[in-house]
Amino acid sequence: MLFARFMTIYGHKFKSAFDDDKEIIIAKREWALSLAGYEEDVLVLALEQTKRQYSWMPSIAEFLQLMDQCQQSFGLTLVDQAYAEACRHATAPSHHSWSHAAVYHAGRATGWFELKTLTRQATQGLFKQHYKALCQRVLAGEDLDQVQTRAIPAPNNDNLFAIIEQWAKQLDMAPEIAQSALYFLHLPKHSPLRQQLHARTQAAYPAQTIPANIDELRNQVI
């Protein structure tokens, strides 16, 4: 998905960055390894920022910086900082004003006693596992102060790609541009990122009424 978006955003500039298909395959593998552990919502938000910040495809290091900035825009601290905070306040967690509820919940799931007494090697991996899972729930729109027992269901995307292409045809818009503009419809209904991307698309196309959900999209398609 990432390289397909880069190709759409940068066109011939993307193609000129690689000598041949073999080099693209090697690059894809390195990007995949570098981005492992980040959630899709953060990736999408970083891509939106990339379009505004870079006229050429960014390097891996530049994109990772964007990913970290976008994660922090949700109020989420970086995982190493979160782990350090949990360890520092494991003795009296109820007396600390946590940078984010996800840090507290990840510390509690790892075990306050374990964080106080065991080595970094014994606890850091488990903490990261819990914290990344909690970050995913936050990015999907969940309020961790009211922890839900069931996962938020994904939106109904049946035939969504086809409907977006019909919408694009009505507006005389390239299908790939429309798919990028309405990508937010694939995200969970109450996701903060979905609301942000909807607002950005509406601002980018002020002459159009951008559908806020799949039902509105269907109503706009003749």
N, C-alpha and C. Protein backbone atom coordinates (compact mmCIF):
# COMPACT_ATOMS: atom_id res chain seq x y z
N MET A 1 0.83 -1.20 0.00
CA MET A 1 0.00 0.00 0.00
C MET A 1 0.87 1.25 0.00
N LEU A 2 1.97 1.25 0.77
CA LEU A 2 2.81 2.44 0.90
C LEU A 2 3.40 2.86 -0.43
N PHE A 3 3.99 1.91 -1.16
CA PHE A 3 4.63 2.27 -2.42
C PHE A 3 3.60 2.65 -3.48
N ALA A 4 2.41 2.07 -3.42
CA ALA A 4 1.34 2.45 -4.35
C ALA A 4 0.96 3.91 -4.12
N ARG A 5 0.89 4.33 -2.84
CA ARG A 5 0.57 5.72 -2.52
C ARG A 5 1.71 6.64 -2.96
N PHE A 6 2.96 6.22 -2.73
CA PHE A 6 4.10 7.03 -3.17
C PHE A 6 4.06 7.22 -4.69
N MET A 7 3.70 6.17 -5.41
CA MET A 7 3.64 6.25 -6.87
C MET A 7 2.57 7.25 -7.31
N THR A 8 1.43 7.22 -6.60
CA THR A 8 0.35 8.15 -6.92
C THR A 8 0.74 9.58 -6.60
N ILE A 9 1.42 9.77 -5.47
CA ILE A 9 1.77 11.12 -5.02
C ILE A 9 2.88 11.73 -5.86
N TYR A 10 3.91 10.93 -6.18
CA TYR A 10 5.11 11.49 -6.81
C TYR A 10 5.26 11.16 -8.30
N GLY A 11 4.44 10.25 -8.82
CA GLY A 11 4.46 9.98 -10.26
C GLY A 11 5.83 9.61 -10.79
N HIS A 12 6.30 10.33 -11.83
CA HIS A 12 7.58 10.01 -12.46
C HIS A 12 8.76 10.20 -11.50
N LYS A 13 8.60 11.06 -10.51
CA LYS A 13 9.66 11.26 -9.53
C LYS A 13 9.91 9.98 -8.74
N PHE A 14 8.83 9.26 -8.43
CA PHE A 14 8.97 7.98 -7.72
C PHE A 14 9.73 6.98 -8.58
N LYS A 15 9.34 6.87 -9.84
CA LYS A 15 9.97 5.89 -10.72
C LYS A 15 11.44 6.20 -10.95
N SER A 16 11.78 7.49 -11.00
CA SER A 16 13.17 7.88 -11.26
C SER A 16 14.08 7.59 -10.07
N ALA A 17 13.49 7.30 -8.90
CA ALA A 17 14.30 7.03 -7.71
C ALA A 17 14.90 5.62 -7.72
N PHE A 18 14.43 4.76 -8.62
CA PHE A 18 14.89 3.37 -8.68
C PHE A 18 15.36 3.04 -10.09
N ASP A 19 16.42 2.26 -10.16
CA ASP A 19 16.98 1.89 -11.46
C ASP A 19 16.18 0.81 -12.17
N ASP A 20 15.65 -0.15 -11.39
CA ASP A 20 14.93 -1.25 -11.99
C ASP A 20 13.98 -1.87 -10.97
N ASP A 21 13.22 -2.87 -11.39
CA ASP A 21 12.25 -3.53 -10.51
C ASP A 21 12.93 -4.24 -9.35
N LYS A 22 14.13 -4.77 -9.57
CA LYS A 22 14.84 -5.45 -8.50
C LYS A 22 15.16 -4.49 -7.37
N GLU A 23 15.53 -3.27 -7.71
CA GLU A 23 15.84 -2.27 -6.69
C GLU A 23 14.58 -1.89 -5.91
N ILE A 24 13.43 -1.86 -6.58
CA ILE A 24 12.17 -1.56 -5.90
C ILE A 24 11.84 -2.66 -4.90
N ILE A 25 12.06 -3.92 -5.28
CA ILE A 25 11.78 -5.04 -4.39
C ILE A 25 12.65 -4.95 -3.14
N ILE A 26 13.94 -4.63 -3.31
CA ILE A 26 14.85 -4.50 -2.18
C ILE A 26 14.40 -3.35 -1.28
N ALA A 27 14.00 -2.24 -1.91
CA ALA A 27 13.55 -1.07 -1.14
C ALA A 27 12.29 -1.39 -0.35
N LYS A 28 11.35 -2.09 -0.96
CA LYS A 28 10.11 -2.45 -0.27
C LYS A 28 10.41 -3.28 0.97
N ARG A 29 11.35 -4.21 0.85
CA ARG A 29 11.70 -5.07 1.99
C ARG A 29 12.29 -4.22 3.13
N GLU A 30 13.16 -3.28 2.79
CA GLU A 30 13.79 -2.45 3.81
C GLU A 30 12.77 -1.52 4.47
N TRP A 31 11.86 -0.95 3.68
CA TRP A 31 10.81 -0.10 4.24
C TRP A 31 9.91 -0.90 5.17
N ALA A 32 9.55 -2.12 4.76
CA ALA A 32 8.68 -2.96 5.59
C ALA A 32 9.32 -3.26 6.93
N LEU A 33 10.61 -3.56 6.93
CA LEU A 33 11.32 -3.85 8.18
C LEU A 33 11.40 -2.60 9.06
N SER A 34 11.59 -1.44 8.44
CA SER A 34 11.75 -0.20 9.19
C SER A 34 10.44 0.26 9.83
N LEU A 35 9.32 -0.04 9.17
CA LEU A 35 8.03 0.45 9.66
C LEU A 35 7.29 -0.57 10.51
N ALA A 36 7.89 -1.71 10.74
CA ALA A 36 7.25 -2.74 11.55
C ALA A 36 6.96 -2.19 12.96
N GLY A 37 5.75 -2.43 13.43
CA GLY A 37 5.38 -1.98 14.76
C GLY A 37 4.54 -0.72 14.78
N TYR A 38 4.53 0.04 13.67
CA TYR A 38 3.68 1.22 13.60
C TYR A 38 2.28 0.82 13.15
N GLU A 39 1.28 1.55 13.61
CA GLU A 39 -0.10 1.24 13.26
C GLU A 39 -0.50 1.91 11.95
N GLU A 40 -1.51 1.34 11.28
CA GLU A 40 -1.90 1.84 9.96
C GLU A 40 -2.38 3.28 10.00
N ASP A 41 -3.09 3.65 11.07
CA ASP A 41 -3.60 5.02 11.17
C ASP A 41 -2.45 6.03 11.19
N VAL A 42 -1.36 5.70 11.90
CA VAL A 42 -0.20 6.58 11.94
C VAL A 42 0.45 6.65 10.56
N LEU A 43 0.52 5.52 9.88
CA LEU A 43 1.09 5.47 8.54
C LEU A 43 0.32 6.37 7.58
N VAL A 44 -1.00 6.30 7.62
CA VAL A 44 -1.83 7.11 6.73
C VAL A 44 -1.64 8.59 7.02
N LEU A 45 -1.60 8.94 8.29
CA LEU A 45 -1.44 10.34 8.66
C LEU A 45 -0.07 10.86 8.21
N ALA A 46 0.97 10.02 8.34
CA ALA A 46 2.30 10.41 7.89
C ALA A 46 2.34 10.60 6.37
N LEU A 47 1.61 9.78 5.65
CA LEU A 47 1.53 9.93 4.19
C LEU A 47 0.89 11.27 3.82
N GLU A 48 -0.16 11.64 4.55
CA GLU A 48 -0.81 12.92 4.29
C GLU A 48 0.16 14.07 4.54
N GLN A 49 0.97 13.95 5.59
CA GLN A 49 1.95 14.99 5.90
C GLN A 49 3.07 15.00 4.86
N THR A 50 3.43 13.83 4.35
CA THR A 50 4.48 13.72 3.34
C THR A 50 4.15 14.56 2.11
N LYS A 51 2.89 14.50 1.68
CA LYS A 51 2.47 15.25 0.49
C LYS A 51 2.69 16.75 0.67
N ARG A 52 2.59 17.23 1.88
CA ARG A 52 2.72 18.66 2.15
C ARG A 52 4.16 19.08 2.42
N GLN A 53 4.99 18.13 2.83
CA GLN A 53 6.33 18.47 3.28
C GLN A 53 7.42 18.14 2.28
N TYR A 54 7.22 17.12 1.46
CA TYR A 54 8.27 16.67 0.56
C TYR A 54 7.81 16.70 -0.90
N SER A 55 8.62 17.34 -1.76
CA SER A 55 8.32 17.35 -3.19
C SER A 55 8.87 16.10 -3.88
N TRP A 56 9.77 15.39 -3.19
CA TRP A 56 10.29 14.10 -3.65
C TRP A 56 10.04 13.07 -2.56
N MET A 57 10.03 11.82 -2.94
CA MET A 57 9.81 10.73 -1.98
C MET A 57 10.83 10.83 -0.84
N PRO A 58 10.37 10.81 0.43
CA PRO A 58 11.29 10.94 1.56
C PRO A 58 12.14 9.69 1.76
N SER A 59 13.24 9.87 2.47
CA SER A 59 14.04 8.71 2.86
C SER A 59 13.34 7.98 4.00
N ILE A 60 13.83 6.80 4.32
CA ILE A 60 13.25 6.05 5.44
C ILE A 60 13.38 6.84 6.74
N ALA A 61 14.54 7.43 6.96
CA ALA A 61 14.76 8.19 8.19
C ALA A 61 13.80 9.37 8.29
N GLU A 62 13.60 10.08 7.19
CA GLU A 62 12.68 11.22 7.18
C GLU A 62 11.25 10.77 7.45
N PHE A 63 10.86 9.65 6.86
CA PHE A 63 9.50 9.16 7.04
C PHE A 63 9.28 8.66 8.46
N LEU A 64 10.30 8.04 9.05
CA LEU A 64 10.18 7.59 10.44
C LEU A 64 9.99 8.77 11.38
N GLN A 65 10.65 9.89 11.10
CA GLN A 65 10.46 11.09 11.91
C GLN A 65 9.02 11.57 11.82
N LEU A 66 8.46 11.53 10.60
CA LEU A 66 7.06 11.91 10.42
C LEU A 66 6.13 10.98 11.18
N MET A 67 6.43 9.68 11.14
CA MET A 67 5.60 8.70 11.84
C MET A 67 5.59 9.00 13.34
N ASP A 68 6.74 9.29 13.90
CA ASP A 68 6.82 9.59 15.33
C ASP A 68 6.06 10.88 15.66
N GLN A 69 6.19 11.88 14.80
CA GLN A 69 5.46 13.14 15.03
C GLN A 69 3.96 12.92 14.97
N CYS A 70 3.50 12.10 14.02
CA CYS A 70 2.07 11.85 13.87
C CYS A 70 1.53 11.06 15.05
N GLN A 71 2.31 10.10 15.54
CA GLN A 71 1.87 9.34 16.71
C GLN A 71 1.71 10.26 17.91
N GLN A 72 2.64 11.19 18.06
CA GLN A 72 2.57 12.11 19.19
C GLN A 72 1.41 13.10 19.05
N SER A 73 0.95 13.31 17.80
CA SER A 73 -0.19 14.22 17.61
C SER A 73 -1.46 13.65 18.23
N PHE A 74 -1.49 12.35 18.49
CA PHE A 74 -2.61 11.73 19.19
C PHE A 74 -2.41 11.77 20.70
N GLY A 75 -1.33 12.42 21.15
CA GLY A 75 -1.04 12.48 22.58
C GLY A 75 -0.26 11.27 23.06
N LEU A 76 0.16 10.41 22.14
CA LEU A 76 0.87 9.19 22.50
C LEU A 76 2.37 9.43 22.49
N THR A 77 3.03 9.13 23.58
CA THR A 77 4.48 9.28 23.64
C THR A 77 5.14 8.10 22.93
N LEU A 78 6.39 8.24 22.55
CA LEU A 78 7.11 7.16 21.89
C LEU A 78 7.31 6.01 22.87
N VAL A 79 7.45 4.81 22.33
CA VAL A 79 7.43 3.61 23.16
C VAL A 79 8.56 3.59 24.19
N ASP A 80 9.77 4.01 23.81
CA ASP A 80 10.88 4.00 24.76
C ASP A 80 10.65 5.00 25.88
N GLN A 81 10.09 6.16 25.54
CA GLN A 81 9.77 7.15 26.56
C GLN A 81 8.66 6.65 27.48
N ALA A 82 7.69 5.95 26.89
CA ALA A 82 6.60 5.39 27.69
C ALA A 82 7.13 4.35 28.67
N TYR A 83 8.03 3.50 28.20
CA TYR A 83 8.61 2.48 29.08
C TYR A 83 9.37 3.12 30.24
N ALA A 84 10.16 4.15 29.93
CA ALA A 84 10.93 4.83 30.97
C ALA A 84 9.99 5.47 32.00
N GLU A 85 8.91 6.05 31.54
CA GLU A 85 7.94 6.67 32.45
C GLU A 85 7.30 5.62 33.35
N ALA A 86 6.93 4.48 32.77
CA ALA A 86 6.31 3.41 33.56
C ALA A 86 7.26 2.90 34.64
N CYS A 87 8.54 2.75 34.28
CA CYS A 87 9.52 2.26 35.26
C CYS A 87 9.74 3.27 36.38
N ARG A 88 9.79 4.55 36.03
CA ARG A 88 10.05 5.58 37.04
C ARG A 88 8.94 5.67 38.07
N HIS A 89 7.72 5.38 37.65
CA HIS A 89 6.57 5.60 38.54
C HIS A 89 5.86 4.29 38.90
N ALA A 90 6.58 3.19 38.78
CA ALA A 90 5.99 1.89 39.10
C ALA A 90 5.73 1.73 40.60
N THR A 91 6.45 2.47 41.43
CA THR A 91 6.28 2.35 42.88
C THR A 91 4.93 2.89 43.34
N ALA A 92 4.51 4.00 42.75
CA ALA A 92 3.23 4.61 43.14
C ALA A 92 2.49 5.09 41.89
N PRO A 93 2.02 4.18 41.08
CA PRO A 93 1.40 4.57 39.81
C PRO A 93 0.14 5.41 39.97
N SER A 94 -0.59 5.22 41.05
CA SER A 94 -1.84 5.97 41.24
C SER A 94 -1.59 7.42 41.61
N HIS A 95 -0.34 7.75 41.97
CA HIS A 95 -0.01 9.11 42.38
C HIS A 95 0.65 9.93 41.27
N HIS A 96 0.77 9.33 40.09
CA HIS A 96 1.46 10.00 38.99
C HIS A 96 0.45 10.51 37.95
N SER A 97 0.73 11.69 37.40
CA SER A 97 -0.08 12.22 36.31
C SER A 97 0.52 11.72 35.00
N TRP A 98 -0.08 10.68 34.44
CA TRP A 98 0.49 9.99 33.29
C TRP A 98 0.39 10.82 32.02
N SER A 99 1.42 10.73 31.18
CA SER A 99 1.42 11.46 29.91
C SER A 99 0.28 10.99 29.02
N HIS A 100 -0.11 9.73 29.16
CA HIS A 100 -1.27 9.19 28.44
C HIS A 100 -1.73 7.93 29.17
N ALA A 101 -3.04 7.69 29.12
CA ALA A 101 -3.59 6.51 29.79
C ALA A 101 -2.99 5.22 29.26
N ALA A 102 -2.55 5.23 27.98
CA ALA A 102 -1.97 4.02 27.40
C ALA A 102 -0.70 3.60 28.14
N VAL A 103 0.06 4.57 28.62
CA VAL A 103 1.29 4.25 29.36
C VAL A 103 0.92 3.55 30.67
N TYR A 104 -0.06 4.08 31.36
CA TYR A 104 -0.50 3.48 32.62
C TYR A 104 -1.00 2.05 32.40
N HIS A 105 -1.88 1.87 31.43
CA HIS A 105 -2.46 0.55 31.20
C HIS A 105 -1.40 -0.46 30.75
N ALA A 106 -0.43 0.00 29.97
CA ALA A 106 0.65 -0.91 29.55
C ALA A 106 1.51 -1.29 30.74
N GLY A 107 1.75 -0.33 31.64
CA GLY A 107 2.52 -0.64 32.85
C GLY A 107 1.78 -1.62 33.75
N ARG A 108 0.48 -1.40 33.91
CA ARG A 108 -0.31 -2.30 34.76
C ARG A 108 -0.35 -3.70 34.18
N ALA A 109 -0.48 -3.80 32.82
CA ALA A 109 -0.53 -5.11 32.18
C ALA A 109 0.82 -5.83 32.30
N THR A 110 1.90 -5.07 32.25
CA THR A 110 3.23 -5.67 32.39
C THR A 110 3.49 -6.11 33.83
N GLY A 111 2.97 -5.30 34.76
CA GLY A 111 3.14 -5.60 36.19
C GLY A 111 4.02 -4.57 36.86
N TRP A 112 3.44 -3.81 37.83
CA TRP A 112 4.22 -2.78 38.50
C TRP A 112 5.38 -3.39 39.30
N PHE A 113 5.14 -4.51 39.94
CA PHE A 113 6.20 -5.16 40.72
C PHE A 113 7.33 -5.60 39.80
N GLU A 114 6.97 -6.16 38.66
CA GLU A 114 7.98 -6.62 37.69
C GLU A 114 8.80 -5.45 37.16
N LEU A 115 8.12 -4.32 36.87
CA LEU A 115 8.83 -3.14 36.36
C LEU A 115 9.80 -2.59 37.41
N LYS A 116 9.45 -2.74 38.69
CA LYS A 116 10.31 -2.24 39.76
C LYS A 116 11.50 -3.15 40.02
N THR A 117 11.33 -4.45 39.86
CA THR A 117 12.32 -5.40 40.36
C THR A 117 13.11 -6.14 39.28
N LEU A 118 12.53 -6.32 38.11
CA LEU A 118 13.21 -7.10 37.07
C LEU A 118 14.05 -6.21 36.16
N THR A 119 14.90 -6.84 35.37
CA THR A 119 15.79 -6.10 34.48
C THR A 119 15.02 -5.58 33.26
N ARG A 120 15.64 -4.63 32.54
CA ARG A 120 15.06 -4.12 31.30
C ARG A 120 14.80 -5.25 30.31
N GLN A 121 15.75 -6.16 30.19
CA GLN A 121 15.60 -7.27 29.24
C GLN A 121 14.36 -8.11 29.55
N ALA A 122 14.01 -8.20 30.83
CA ALA A 122 12.89 -9.04 31.24
C ALA A 122 11.54 -8.36 31.04
N THR A 123 11.50 -7.04 31.01
CA THR A 123 10.21 -6.35 30.99
C THR A 123 9.96 -5.47 29.77
N GLN A 124 11.00 -4.99 29.12
CA GLN A 124 10.79 -4.01 28.05
C GLN A 124 10.01 -4.58 26.87
N GLY A 125 10.35 -5.81 26.47
CA GLY A 125 9.65 -6.42 25.33
C GLY A 125 8.17 -6.60 25.61
N LEU A 126 7.83 -7.06 26.82
CA LEU A 126 6.42 -7.26 27.18
C LEU A 126 5.69 -5.92 27.24
N PHE A 127 6.36 -4.90 27.83
CA PHE A 127 5.73 -3.58 27.88
C PHE A 127 5.45 -3.06 26.48
N LYS A 128 6.41 -3.17 25.58
CA LYS A 128 6.23 -2.68 24.21
C LYS A 128 5.05 -3.38 23.54
N GLN A 129 4.93 -4.67 23.77
CA GLN A 129 3.83 -5.43 23.19
C GLN A 129 2.49 -4.89 23.65
N HIS A 130 2.35 -4.66 24.95
CA HIS A 130 1.10 -4.12 25.49
C HIS A 130 0.86 -2.68 25.01
N TYR A 131 1.92 -1.89 25.00
CA TYR A 131 1.77 -0.47 24.66
C TYR A 131 1.35 -0.30 23.19
N LYS A 132 1.95 -1.05 22.30
CA LYS A 132 1.61 -0.94 20.88
C LYS A 132 0.15 -1.35 20.64
N ALA A 133 -0.29 -2.39 21.35
CA ALA A 133 -1.69 -2.82 21.22
C ALA A 133 -2.64 -1.73 21.72
N LEU A 134 -2.26 -1.08 22.81
CA LEU A 134 -3.08 0.01 23.36
C LEU A 134 -3.08 1.22 22.43
N CYS A 135 -1.92 1.53 21.84
CA CYS A 135 -1.85 2.63 20.89
C CYS A 135 -2.79 2.39 19.70
N GLN A 136 -2.85 1.16 19.24
CA GLN A 136 -3.75 0.83 18.13
C GLN A 136 -5.19 1.11 18.50
N ARG A 137 -5.56 0.79 19.73
CA ARG A 137 -6.93 1.04 20.18
C ARG A 137 -7.22 2.54 20.28
N VAL A 138 -6.22 3.30 20.73
CA VAL A 138 -6.39 4.75 20.80
C VAL A 138 -6.57 5.34 19.41
N LEU A 139 -5.74 4.89 18.46
CA LEU A 139 -5.81 5.40 17.10
C LEU A 139 -7.12 5.01 16.42
N ALA A 140 -7.74 3.94 16.89
CA ALA A 140 -9.03 3.51 16.35
C ALA A 140 -10.20 4.25 17.00
N GLY A 141 -9.89 5.14 17.96
CA GLY A 141 -10.94 5.96 18.56
C GLY A 141 -11.38 5.55 19.94
N GLU A 142 -10.72 4.57 20.55
CA GLU A 142 -11.16 4.10 21.86
C GLU A 142 -10.65 5.00 22.99
N ASP A 143 -11.48 5.25 23.96
CA ASP A 143 -11.10 6.00 25.15
C ASP A 143 -10.63 5.01 26.20
N LEU A 144 -9.37 5.03 26.50
CA LEU A 144 -8.80 4.05 27.43
C LEU A 144 -9.22 4.29 28.87
N ASP A 145 -9.76 5.45 29.16
CA ASP A 145 -10.28 5.67 30.50
C ASP A 145 -11.59 4.93 30.71
N GLN A 146 -12.18 4.50 29.60
CA GLN A 146 -13.38 3.66 29.63
C GLN A 146 -13.09 2.45 28.75
N VAL A 147 -12.24 1.56 29.25
CA VAL A 147 -11.74 0.46 28.44
C VAL A 147 -12.88 -0.42 27.97
N GLN A 148 -12.92 -0.65 26.68
CA GLN A 148 -13.96 -1.49 26.10
C GLN A 148 -13.49 -2.94 26.09
N THR A 149 -14.43 -3.83 26.22
CA THR A 149 -14.08 -5.26 26.23
C THR A 149 -14.12 -5.87 24.85
N ARG A 150 -14.73 -5.17 23.91
CA ARG A 150 -14.80 -5.70 22.55
C ARG A 150 -14.10 -4.74 21.60
N ALA A 151 -13.50 -5.28 20.58
CA ALA A 151 -12.83 -4.44 19.60
C ALA A 151 -13.86 -3.65 18.81
N ILE A 152 -13.43 -2.47 18.36
CA ILE A 152 -14.32 -1.65 17.54
C ILE A 152 -14.44 -2.30 16.17
N PRO A 153 -15.64 -2.56 15.69
CA PRO A 153 -15.79 -3.23 14.40
C PRO A 153 -15.31 -2.36 13.26
N ALA A 154 -14.78 -2.99 12.26
CA ALA A 154 -14.35 -2.26 11.06
C ALA A 154 -15.58 -1.85 10.26
N PRO A 155 -15.45 -0.76 9.51
CA PRO A 155 -16.59 -0.33 8.70
C PRO A 155 -16.93 -1.35 7.63
N ASN A 156 -18.15 -1.29 7.14
CA ASN A 156 -18.56 -2.20 6.08
C ASN A 156 -18.03 -1.68 4.76
N ASN A 157 -16.99 -2.36 4.23
CA ASN A 157 -16.34 -1.88 3.03
C ASN A 157 -16.75 -2.65 1.79
N ASP A 158 -17.88 -3.38 1.85
CA ASP A 158 -18.34 -4.14 0.70
C ASP A 158 -18.50 -3.22 -0.50
N ASN A 159 -17.78 -3.56 -1.58
CA ASN A 159 -17.87 -2.83 -2.83
C ASN A 159 -17.46 -1.36 -2.71
N LEU A 160 -16.77 -1.00 -1.63
CA LEU A 160 -16.44 0.41 -1.43
C LEU A 160 -15.54 0.93 -2.54
N PHE A 161 -14.54 0.14 -2.94
CA PHE A 161 -13.66 0.59 -4.01
C PHE A 161 -14.44 0.87 -5.29
N ALA A 162 -15.38 -0.01 -5.60
CA ALA A 162 -16.17 0.16 -6.82
C ALA A 162 -17.06 1.40 -6.74
N ILE A 163 -17.64 1.64 -5.57
CA ILE A 163 -18.51 2.81 -5.40
C ILE A 163 -17.69 4.10 -5.52
N ILE A 164 -16.49 4.09 -4.96
CA ILE A 164 -15.63 5.28 -5.06
C ILE A 164 -15.26 5.54 -6.52
N GLU A 165 -15.05 4.49 -7.29
CA GLU A 165 -14.73 4.68 -8.70
C GLU A 165 -15.93 5.28 -9.45
N GLN A 166 -17.14 4.87 -9.09
CA GLN A 166 -18.33 5.48 -9.70
C GLN A 166 -18.42 6.96 -9.33
N TRP A 167 -18.13 7.26 -8.07
CA TRP A 167 -18.13 8.65 -7.59
C TRP A 167 -17.12 9.48 -8.36
N ALA A 168 -15.92 8.89 -8.58
CA ALA A 168 -14.87 9.59 -9.32
C ALA A 168 -15.29 9.86 -10.76
N LYS A 169 -15.96 8.90 -11.37
CA LYS A 169 -16.40 9.06 -12.76
C LYS A 169 -17.40 10.20 -12.88
N GLN A 170 -18.30 10.31 -11.90
CA GLN A 170 -19.28 11.40 -11.93
C GLN A 170 -18.61 12.76 -11.83
N LEU A 171 -17.51 12.83 -11.08
CA LEU A 171 -16.82 14.10 -10.88
C LEU A 171 -15.70 14.32 -11.89
N ASP A 172 -15.56 13.38 -12.83
CA ASP A 172 -14.48 13.44 -13.82
C ASP A 172 -13.13 13.51 -13.12
N MET A 173 -12.97 12.65 -12.13
CA MET A 173 -11.75 12.60 -11.32
C MET A 173 -11.05 11.27 -11.56
N ALA A 174 -9.73 11.29 -11.57
CA ALA A 174 -8.97 10.05 -11.75
C ALA A 174 -9.28 9.09 -10.60
N PRO A 175 -9.51 7.81 -10.89
CA PRO A 175 -9.88 6.85 -9.83
C PRO A 175 -8.89 6.80 -8.68
N GLU A 176 -7.56 6.86 -9.00
CA GLU A 176 -6.57 6.77 -7.93
C GLU A 176 -6.61 8.01 -7.02
N ILE A 177 -6.97 9.17 -7.61
CA ILE A 177 -7.09 10.37 -6.79
C ILE A 177 -8.29 10.26 -5.87
N ALA A 178 -9.39 9.73 -6.40
CA ALA A 178 -10.61 9.57 -5.59
C ALA A 178 -10.39 8.57 -4.47
N GLN A 179 -9.71 7.46 -4.78
CA GLN A 179 -9.44 6.45 -3.76
C GLN A 179 -8.60 7.04 -2.63
N SER A 180 -7.62 7.87 -2.98
CA SER A 180 -6.79 8.52 -1.97
C SER A 180 -7.60 9.53 -1.16
N ALA A 181 -8.45 10.31 -1.85
CA ALA A 181 -9.24 11.34 -1.17
C ALA A 181 -10.24 10.74 -0.18
N LEU A 182 -10.82 9.58 -0.54
CA LEU A 182 -11.85 8.97 0.30
C LEU A 182 -11.32 7.79 1.11
N TYR A 183 -10.01 7.73 1.26
CA TYR A 183 -9.42 6.61 2.02
C TYR A 183 -10.01 6.53 3.43
N PHE A 184 -10.35 7.69 4.00
CA PHE A 184 -10.84 7.72 5.39
C PHE A 184 -12.08 6.86 5.59
N LEU A 185 -12.83 6.58 4.51
CA LEU A 185 -14.03 5.76 4.64
C LEU A 185 -13.71 4.32 5.02
N HIS A 186 -12.45 3.92 4.85
CA HIS A 186 -12.04 2.56 5.23
C HIS A 186 -11.73 2.46 6.73
N LEU A 187 -11.59 3.59 7.40
CA LEU A 187 -11.20 3.59 8.81
C LEU A 187 -12.43 3.44 9.71
N PRO A 188 -12.23 3.02 10.97
CA PRO A 188 -13.35 2.89 11.91
C PRO A 188 -14.13 4.20 12.02
N LYS A 189 -15.42 4.09 12.22
CA LYS A 189 -16.35 5.22 12.15
C LYS A 189 -15.97 6.35 13.08
N HIS A 190 -15.55 6.04 14.30
CA HIS A 190 -15.29 7.08 15.30
C HIS A 190 -13.79 7.36 15.46
N SER A 191 -13.01 6.93 14.50
CA SER A 191 -11.57 7.18 14.56
C SER A 191 -11.27 8.66 14.41
N PRO A 192 -10.45 9.25 15.32
CA PRO A 192 -10.07 10.66 15.16
C PRO A 192 -9.38 10.92 13.83
N LEU A 193 -8.59 9.95 13.37
CA LEU A 193 -7.90 10.12 12.10
C LEU A 193 -8.89 10.22 10.95
N ARG A 194 -9.95 9.40 11.01
CA ARG A 194 -10.97 9.46 9.96
C ARG A 194 -11.58 10.87 9.88
N GLN A 195 -11.87 11.46 11.02
CA GLN A 195 -12.45 12.80 11.05
C GLN A 195 -11.47 13.83 10.51
N GLN A 196 -10.19 13.68 10.84
CA GLN A 196 -9.18 14.61 10.35
C GLN A 196 -9.04 14.53 8.84
N LEU A 197 -8.98 13.31 8.31
CA LEU A 197 -8.81 13.14 6.87
C LEU A 197 -10.04 13.60 6.10
N HIS A 198 -11.23 13.39 6.67
CA HIS A 198 -12.45 13.89 6.02
C HIS A 198 -12.41 15.42 5.91
N ALA A 199 -11.99 16.07 6.99
CA ALA A 199 -11.90 17.54 6.97
C ALA A 199 -10.87 18.02 5.96
N ARG A 200 -9.76 17.32 5.86
CA ARG A 200 -8.72 17.71 4.90
C ARG A 200 -9.20 17.53 3.46
N THR A 201 -9.90 16.45 3.20
CA THR A 201 -10.41 16.23 1.85
C THR A 201 -11.44 17.29 1.49
N GLN A 202 -12.31 17.63 2.43
CA GLN A 202 -13.31 18.67 2.17
C GLN A 202 -12.63 20.01 1.89
N ALA A 203 -11.55 20.30 2.63
CA ALA A 203 -10.83 21.54 2.41
C ALA A 203 -10.12 21.55 1.04
N ALA A 204 -9.68 20.35 0.62
CA ALA A 204 -8.99 20.25 -0.67
C ALA A 204 -9.95 20.36 -1.85
N TYR A 205 -11.23 19.99 -1.62
CA TYR A 205 -12.24 20.04 -2.68
C TYR A 205 -13.45 20.83 -2.18
N PRO A 206 -13.29 22.13 -1.96
CA PRO A 206 -14.38 22.93 -1.36
C PRO A 206 -15.64 23.00 -2.22
N ALA A 207 -15.50 22.78 -3.52
CA ALA A 207 -16.67 22.86 -4.40
C ALA A 207 -17.52 21.60 -4.35
N GLN A 208 -17.01 20.55 -3.72
CA GLN A 208 -17.71 19.27 -3.66
C GLN A 208 -18.20 19.00 -2.23
N THR A 209 -19.28 18.27 -2.12
CA THR A 209 -19.74 17.79 -0.82
C THR A 209 -19.12 16.42 -0.60
N ILE A 210 -18.13 16.36 0.26
CA ILE A 210 -17.42 15.11 0.49
C ILE A 210 -18.23 14.24 1.44
N PRO A 211 -18.58 13.02 1.04
CA PRO A 211 -19.40 12.15 1.91
C PRO A 211 -18.65 11.80 3.20
N ALA A 212 -19.36 11.87 4.31
CA ALA A 212 -18.75 11.57 5.60
C ALA A 212 -18.81 10.09 5.94
N ASN A 213 -19.65 9.35 5.25
CA ASN A 213 -19.77 7.91 5.51
C ASN A 213 -20.20 7.20 4.23
N ILE A 214 -20.25 5.87 4.30
CA ILE A 214 -20.53 5.08 3.10
C ILE A 214 -21.95 5.31 2.59
N ASP A 215 -22.90 5.49 3.51
CA ASP A 215 -24.28 5.74 3.08
C ASP A 215 -24.38 7.04 2.28
N GLU A 216 -23.71 8.09 2.73
CA GLU A 216 -23.72 9.34 1.99
C GLU A 216 -23.07 9.19 0.63
N LEU A 217 -22.01 8.38 0.58
CA LEU A 217 -21.35 8.13 -0.70
C LEU A 217 -22.30 7.44 -1.66
N ARG A 218 -23.01 6.42 -1.17
CA ARG A 218 -23.96 5.71 -2.03
C ARG A 218 -25.04 6.66 -2.55
N ASN A 219 -25.50 7.56 -1.69
CA ASN A 219 -26.54 8.50 -2.11
C ASN A 219 -26.06 9.46 -3.17
N GLN A 220 -24.75 9.74 -3.19
CA GLN A 220 -24.22 10.67 -4.18
C GLN A 220 -23.97 10.00 -5.52
N VAL A 221 -23.89 8.68 -5.52
CA VAL A 221 -23.63 7.96 -6.76
C VAL A 221 -24.95 7.70 -7.48
N ILE A 222 -25.06 8.15 -8.69
CA ILE A 222 -26.31 7.97 -9.45
C ILE A 222 -26.44 6.54 -9.93
